[in-house]
Amino acid sequence: MNAAIDPMIQVNPLFMRVDLLIEVGKLELAIANIRRQKAANEADPLVAPLASRIARLNEALGRLTA
């Protein structure tokens, strides 16, 4: 039996959209927690990569069909 994943499997865009929205929400909560617990000069370097990830996820959401 072949254990390889078929590259032609289609993922329902609705499920992908929901997963991306959940990930964006988690990142937004993480950013809010960092900003609440750290001084601004300490928070900025921690928030920057998370904000960048949110931007990439939002781009992916924009490419998905509604």
N, C-alpha and C. Protein backbone atom coordinates (compact mmCIF):
# COMPACT_ATOMS: atom_id res chain seq x y z
N MET A 1 0.84 -1.17 0.00
CA MET A 1 0.00 0.00 0.00
C MET A 1 0.89 1.24 0.00
N ASN A 2 0.57 2.21 -0.85
CA ASN A 2 1.37 3.41 -0.99
C ASN A 2 0.93 4.45 0.05
N ALA A 3 1.88 4.89 0.86
CA ALA A 3 1.58 5.84 1.94
C ALA A 3 1.70 7.30 1.48
N ALA A 4 2.06 7.51 0.20
CA ALA A 4 2.21 8.88 -0.31
C ALA A 4 0.85 9.57 -0.38
N ILE A 5 0.87 10.86 -0.17
CA ILE A 5 -0.37 11.65 -0.24
C ILE A 5 -0.58 12.06 -1.68
N ASP A 6 -1.79 11.89 -2.15
CA ASP A 6 -2.15 12.25 -3.52
C ASP A 6 -2.15 13.78 -3.66
N PRO A 7 -1.29 14.34 -4.54
CA PRO A 7 -1.23 15.79 -4.68
C PRO A 7 -2.49 16.37 -5.33
N MET A 8 -3.35 15.55 -5.85
CA MET A 8 -4.56 16.03 -6.51
C MET A 8 -5.74 16.16 -5.54
N ILE A 9 -5.53 15.84 -4.28
CA ILE A 9 -6.61 15.96 -3.30
C ILE A 9 -6.99 17.44 -3.18
N GLN A 10 -8.27 17.72 -3.27
CA GLN A 10 -8.76 19.08 -3.18
C GLN A 10 -9.22 19.38 -1.74
N VAL A 11 -8.80 20.51 -1.22
CA VAL A 11 -9.21 20.94 0.11
C VAL A 11 -10.33 21.96 -0.08
N ASN A 12 -11.38 21.78 0.67
CA ASN A 12 -12.50 22.71 0.60
C ASN A 12 -12.01 24.10 1.03
N PRO A 13 -12.18 25.13 0.16
CA PRO A 13 -11.70 26.48 0.51
C PRO A 13 -12.34 27.03 1.79
N LEU A 14 -13.55 26.61 2.09
CA LEU A 14 -14.19 27.08 3.32
C LEU A 14 -13.41 26.62 4.55
N PHE A 15 -12.96 25.36 4.55
CA PHE A 15 -12.18 24.84 5.68
C PHE A 15 -10.85 25.58 5.78
N MET A 16 -10.23 25.84 4.63
CA MET A 16 -8.95 26.55 4.64
C MET A 16 -9.14 27.97 5.16
N ARG A 17 -10.23 28.64 4.74
CA ARG A 17 -10.52 29.99 5.20
C ARG A 17 -10.70 30.02 6.72
N VAL A 18 -11.45 29.06 7.24
CA VAL A 18 -11.69 29.00 8.68
C VAL A 18 -10.37 28.77 9.42
N ASP A 19 -9.55 27.88 8.92
CA ASP A 19 -8.25 27.62 9.56
C ASP A 19 -7.38 28.88 9.57
N LEU A 20 -7.38 29.60 8.46
CA LEU A 20 -6.58 30.83 8.40
C LEU A 20 -7.12 31.89 9.35
N LEU A 21 -8.44 32.01 9.42
CA LEU A 21 -9.04 32.98 10.34
C LEU A 21 -8.73 32.64 11.80
N ILE A 22 -8.75 31.37 12.12
CA ILE A 22 -8.40 30.95 13.49
C ILE A 22 -6.95 31.31 13.79
N GLU A 23 -6.07 31.06 12.84
CA GLU A 23 -4.65 31.38 13.03
C GLU A 23 -4.46 32.89 13.20
N VAL A 24 -5.15 33.70 12.41
CA VAL A 24 -5.05 35.15 12.54
C VAL A 24 -5.52 35.57 13.93
N GLY A 25 -6.62 35.00 14.39
CA GLY A 25 -7.13 35.32 15.72
C GLY A 25 -6.14 34.98 16.82
N LYS A 26 -5.51 33.84 16.71
CA LYS A 26 -4.50 33.43 17.71
C LYS A 26 -3.34 34.41 17.72
N LEU A 27 -2.89 34.81 16.54
CA LEU A 27 -1.78 35.75 16.47
C LEU A 27 -2.17 37.11 17.03
N GLU A 28 -3.39 37.56 16.75
CA GLU A 28 -3.85 38.84 17.30
C GLU A 28 -3.91 38.79 18.82
N LEU A 29 -4.36 37.67 19.38
CA LEU A 29 -4.37 37.53 20.84
C LEU A 29 -2.95 37.54 21.40
N ALA A 30 -2.04 36.87 20.72
CA ALA A 30 -0.65 36.85 21.17
C ALA A 30 -0.06 38.26 21.17
N ILE A 31 -0.35 39.01 20.12
CA ILE A 31 0.14 40.40 20.05
C ILE A 31 -0.45 41.23 21.18
N ALA A 32 -1.74 41.09 21.42
CA ALA A 32 -2.38 41.84 22.50
C ALA A 32 -1.76 41.48 23.85
N ASN A 33 -1.48 40.21 24.07
CA ASN A 33 -0.86 39.78 25.33
C ASN A 33 0.54 40.35 25.48
N ILE A 34 1.30 40.33 24.41
CA ILE A 34 2.66 40.88 24.46
C ILE A 34 2.61 42.36 24.80
N ARG A 35 1.73 43.09 24.13
CA ARG A 35 1.64 44.54 24.36
C ARG A 35 1.15 44.87 25.76
N ARG A 36 0.33 44.00 26.32
CA ARG A 36 -0.18 44.22 27.67
C ARG A 36 0.90 43.94 28.72
N GLN A 37 1.78 42.98 28.45
CA GLN A 37 2.73 42.53 29.45
C GLN A 37 4.12 43.15 29.33
N LYS A 38 4.43 43.73 28.19
CA LYS A 38 5.78 44.26 27.97
C LYS A 38 5.75 45.75 27.72
N ALA A 39 6.85 46.40 28.01
CA ALA A 39 7.01 47.81 27.65
C ALA A 39 7.11 47.90 26.12
N ALA A 40 6.77 49.07 25.58
CA ALA A 40 6.73 49.23 24.13
C ALA A 40 8.05 48.86 23.46
N ASN A 41 9.18 49.28 24.07
CA ASN A 41 10.47 48.98 23.45
C ASN A 41 10.80 47.48 23.49
N GLU A 42 10.23 46.76 24.44
CA GLU A 42 10.43 45.31 24.50
C GLU A 42 9.43 44.57 23.61
N ALA A 43 8.25 45.14 23.45
CA ALA A 43 7.18 44.47 22.70
C ALA A 43 7.41 44.52 21.19
N ASP A 44 7.90 45.64 20.69
CA ASP A 44 8.02 45.82 19.24
C ASP A 44 8.80 44.70 18.54
N PRO A 45 9.97 44.29 19.04
CA PRO A 45 10.69 43.21 18.35
C PRO A 45 9.95 41.87 18.41
N LEU A 46 9.13 41.69 19.43
CA LEU A 46 8.36 40.45 19.55
C LEU A 46 7.12 40.47 18.65
N VAL A 47 6.54 41.64 18.49
CA VAL A 47 5.30 41.79 17.73
C VAL A 47 5.57 41.77 16.22
N ALA A 48 6.69 42.32 15.79
CA ALA A 48 6.98 42.47 14.36
C ALA A 48 6.83 41.17 13.57
N PRO A 49 7.43 40.05 13.99
CA PRO A 49 7.26 38.83 13.20
C PRO A 49 5.82 38.31 13.21
N LEU A 50 5.12 38.53 14.30
CA LEU A 50 3.72 38.08 14.38
C LEU A 50 2.85 38.92 13.44
N ALA A 51 3.11 40.22 13.40
CA ALA A 51 2.35 41.10 12.50
C ALA A 51 2.65 40.75 11.04
N SER A 52 3.88 40.40 10.76
CA SER A 52 4.25 39.98 9.41
C SER A 52 3.51 38.71 9.01
N ARG A 53 3.41 37.79 9.95
CA ARG A 53 2.68 36.54 9.70
C ARG A 53 1.20 36.82 9.45
N ILE A 54 0.62 37.73 10.21
CA ILE A 54 -0.78 38.11 10.00
C ILE A 54 -0.96 38.68 8.59
N ALA A 55 -0.04 39.50 8.15
CA ALA A 55 -0.13 40.09 6.81
C ALA A 55 -0.10 39.00 5.74
N ARG A 56 0.78 38.01 5.90
CA ARG A 56 0.84 36.90 4.93
C ARG A 56 -0.44 36.08 4.95
N LEU A 57 -0.99 35.85 6.12
CA LEU A 57 -2.24 35.09 6.22
C LEU A 57 -3.40 35.87 5.59
N ASN A 58 -3.42 37.18 5.79
CA ASN A 58 -4.46 38.00 5.18
C ASN A 58 -4.34 37.99 3.65
N GLU A 59 -3.12 37.96 3.14
CA GLU A 59 -2.93 37.84 1.69
C GLU A 59 -3.48 36.51 1.19
N ALA A 60 -3.20 35.45 1.93
CA ALA A 60 -3.72 34.12 1.56
C ALA A 60 -5.24 34.10 1.60
N LEU A 61 -5.81 34.74 2.61
CA LEU A 61 -7.28 34.82 2.70
C LEU A 61 -7.86 35.57 1.49
N GLY A 62 -7.17 36.60 1.05
CA GLY A 62 -7.63 37.36 -0.10
C GLY A 62 -7.60 36.56 -1.40
N ARG A 63 -6.70 35.58 -1.46
CA ARG A 63 -6.59 34.75 -2.67
C ARG A 63 -7.63 33.63 -2.71
N LEU A 64 -8.19 33.29 -1.56
CA LEU A 64 -9.19 32.22 -1.51
C LEU A 64 -10.52 32.71 -2.05
N THR A 65 -11.24 31.82 -2.67
CA THR A 65 -12.58 32.18 -3.12
C THR A 65 -13.52 32.19 -1.92
N ALA A 66 -14.47 33.08 -1.93
CA ALA A 66 -15.40 33.23 -0.80
C ALA A 66 -16.36 32.08 -0.72
